[in-house]
Protein backbone atom coordinates (compact mmCIF):
# COMPACT_ATOMS: atom_id res chain seq x y z
CA MET A 1 38.89 -4.71 -52.15
CA SER A 2 41.14 -3.12 -49.58
CA ALA A 3 43.23 -4.16 -46.59
CA THR A 4 45.10 -7.07 -48.14
CA LEU A 5 46.95 -9.17 -45.62
CA ALA A 6 50.48 -10.35 -46.35
CA PRO A 7 50.47 -13.56 -48.41
CA LEU A 8 50.47 -16.72 -46.35
CA PHE A 9 52.30 -19.88 -47.34
CA LEU A 10 50.22 -23.02 -46.88
CA ALA A 11 52.56 -26.02 -47.00
CA ASP A 12 49.87 -28.69 -47.29
CA ASP A 13 46.19 -29.56 -46.97
CA ALA A 14 46.40 -29.41 -43.18
CA ALA A 15 47.62 -25.81 -43.38
CA THR A 16 44.78 -25.00 -45.80
CA ALA A 17 42.29 -26.54 -43.36
CA ALA A 18 43.76 -24.51 -40.50
CA LEU A 19 43.39 -21.33 -42.55
CA GLY A 20 39.76 -22.29 -43.23
CA GLN A 21 39.14 -22.60 -39.50
CA GLN A 22 40.68 -19.17 -38.87
CA LEU A 23 38.66 -17.66 -41.70
CA ALA A 24 35.44 -19.14 -40.28
CA VAL A 25 36.06 -17.31 -37.01
CA ALA A 26 36.51 -14.01 -38.87
CA LEU A 27 33.36 -14.32 -40.98
CA LYS A 28 30.17 -12.47 -40.11
CA PRO A 29 26.58 -13.02 -41.25
CA GLY A 30 26.13 -11.25 -44.56
CA ASP A 31 29.69 -11.82 -45.77
CA LEU A 32 30.25 -12.82 -49.37
CA VAL A 33 33.76 -14.15 -49.92
CA MET A 34 35.23 -14.79 -53.35
CA LEU A 35 37.52 -17.81 -53.54
CA GLU A 36 39.90 -17.10 -56.39
CA GLY A 37 42.54 -19.18 -58.13
CA ASP A 38 43.21 -21.54 -60.98
CA LEU A 39 41.82 -25.06 -61.21
CA GLY A 40 43.43 -27.15 -58.48
CA ALA A 41 44.55 -24.17 -56.40
CA GLY A 42 42.56 -25.32 -53.35
CA LYS A 43 39.39 -23.21 -53.47
CA THR A 44 37.08 -26.11 -52.66
CA ALA A 45 39.42 -27.49 -49.99
CA LEU A 46 39.41 -24.10 -48.28
CA ALA A 47 35.61 -23.79 -48.54
CA ARG A 48 35.22 -27.28 -47.01
CA ALA A 49 37.35 -26.26 -44.04
CA VAL A 50 35.40 -23.03 -43.53
CA ILE A 51 32.04 -24.79 -43.71
CA ARG A 52 33.09 -27.62 -41.41
CA ALA A 53 34.33 -25.08 -38.87
CA LEU A 54 31.16 -22.98 -39.07
CA VAL A 55 28.84 -25.96 -38.57
CA SER A 56 31.19 -27.52 -35.96
CA ASP A 57 31.37 -30.86 -37.78
CA ALA A 58 34.85 -31.89 -38.92
CA SER A 59 33.48 -34.95 -40.74
CA LEU A 60 30.66 -33.18 -42.61
CA ASP A 61 30.43 -34.23 -46.27
CA VAL A 62 31.02 -31.03 -48.25
CA PRO A 63 30.85 -31.88 -51.94
CA SER A 64 32.09 -29.55 -54.62
CA PRO A 65 29.23 -27.41 -55.93
CA THR A 66 30.58 -27.66 -59.50
CA PHE A 67 27.51 -29.48 -60.83
CA ALA A 68 24.85 -28.35 -58.34
CA LEU A 69 26.19 -24.76 -58.63
CA VAL A 70 25.24 -24.00 -55.02
CA GLN A 71 25.22 -26.10 -51.84
CA PRO A 72 23.44 -24.79 -48.72
CA TYR A 73 24.42 -25.60 -45.13
CA GLU A 74 22.81 -24.61 -41.85
CA TRP A 75 24.81 -23.48 -38.87
CA PRO A 76 23.73 -22.06 -35.49
CA ARG A 77 23.80 -18.47 -36.78
CA GLY A 78 22.05 -19.06 -40.12
CA THR A 79 22.87 -20.30 -43.58
CA VAL A 80 26.13 -20.86 -45.43
CA LEU A 81 26.03 -21.07 -49.22
CA HIS A 82 28.91 -22.55 -51.21
CA ALA A 83 28.65 -21.67 -54.89
CA ASP A 84 30.70 -22.43 -57.97
CA LEU A 85 30.02 -20.19 -60.98
CA TYR A 86 32.42 -21.99 -63.34
CA ARG A 87 29.58 -23.63 -65.29
CA ILE A 88 27.06 -20.78 -65.49
CA ALA A 89 26.05 -20.03 -69.06
CA SER A 90 25.59 -16.30 -68.52
CA GLU A 91 25.81 -13.77 -65.75
CA ARG A 92 22.00 -13.65 -65.61
CA ASP A 93 22.00 -17.24 -64.31
CA VAL A 94 23.37 -16.03 -60.98
CA ASP A 95 19.98 -14.48 -60.13
CA GLU A 96 18.43 -17.96 -60.09
CA LEU A 97 20.92 -19.34 -57.58
CA GLY A 98 19.50 -17.43 -54.59
CA LEU A 99 22.86 -16.19 -53.40
CA PHE A 100 21.39 -12.87 -52.31
CA ASP A 101 18.03 -14.11 -50.96
CA SER A 102 19.12 -14.17 -47.31
CA PRO A 103 21.00 -11.03 -46.27
CA ASP A 104 22.44 -12.83 -43.22
CA ALA A 105 23.84 -15.81 -45.11
CA ILE A 106 27.57 -16.33 -45.41
CA VAL A 107 28.30 -16.94 -49.09
CA LEU A 108 31.49 -18.54 -50.39
CA VAL A 109 31.84 -18.24 -54.17
CA GLU A 110 34.30 -19.99 -56.45
CA TRP A 111 34.80 -18.44 -59.91
CA ALA A 112 33.07 -15.23 -58.78
CA GLU A 113 34.74 -13.34 -61.64
CA ARG A 114 32.04 -14.79 -63.90
CA SER A 115 29.52 -12.37 -62.31
CA HIS A 116 30.03 -8.63 -61.91
CA GLU A 117 27.17 -8.55 -59.38
CA VAL A 118 28.83 -11.13 -57.15
CA MET A 119 32.14 -9.28 -57.35
CA ALA A 120 30.43 -5.98 -56.50
CA ARG A 121 28.76 -7.49 -53.41
CA ALA A 122 31.88 -9.24 -52.11
CA THR A 123 33.07 -8.32 -48.64
CA GLY A 124 36.17 -10.45 -48.89
CA ALA A 125 38.41 -12.41 -51.20
CA VAL A 126 40.90 -15.22 -50.80
CA ARG A 127 43.30 -15.64 -53.73
CA LEU A 128 45.07 -19.00 -53.84
CA THR A 129 48.08 -19.59 -56.06
CA ILE A 130 50.44 -22.50 -56.50
CA PRO A 131 54.13 -21.59 -56.40
CA ALA A 132 56.29 -22.30 -59.48
CA ASP A 133 57.83 -25.35 -57.79
CA GLY A 134 54.34 -26.81 -57.16
CA ALA A 135 54.88 -27.17 -53.42
CA GLY A 136 52.03 -25.92 -51.24
CA ARG A 137 50.07 -22.78 -52.06
CA HIS A 138 50.00 -19.09 -51.26
CA ALA A 139 46.91 -17.35 -49.91
CA GLU A 140 46.21 -13.62 -50.09
CA ILE A 141 43.24 -12.49 -48.02
CA THR A 142 41.42 -9.20 -48.43
CA PHE A 143 38.38 -7.77 -46.63
CA THR A 144 36.69 -4.52 -47.63
CA ASP A 145 36.32 -3.48 -43.99
CA GLY A 146 39.99 -4.10 -43.20
CA ARG A 147 39.40 -6.95 -40.76
CA THR A 148 42.24 -9.30 -40.02
CA PHE A 149 42.55 -12.58 -38.18
């Protein structure tokens, strides 16, 4: 990845949701964004905000894909896939998820580091970390094409 933006401080869930809305505006069909961070860092919360912004429905139920592994959503410009690779048994299992079946889909992937193929195809990454004092979270955003928002 290249073109890392300066880390952002997100004080609360509202700030994470606002970042998700901004990220949704920056995404393009075909983007695959890795959502990185420890358990509880806010990966799913950020994905929810992005998806709700893309489909223009702030009340849309966006469950964690932890058990389903991938959740699809339709938006006016195509498909959004939200995947969680935490529970895959092997890297080969990623092929069965259909993450690469639609070249115009926007794909958000939690625990992408469990698949070299997903990491190689990523066009962006958001790394979320919780500060030592436990207040809020930091977000570092990187896009391979250098885009900012």
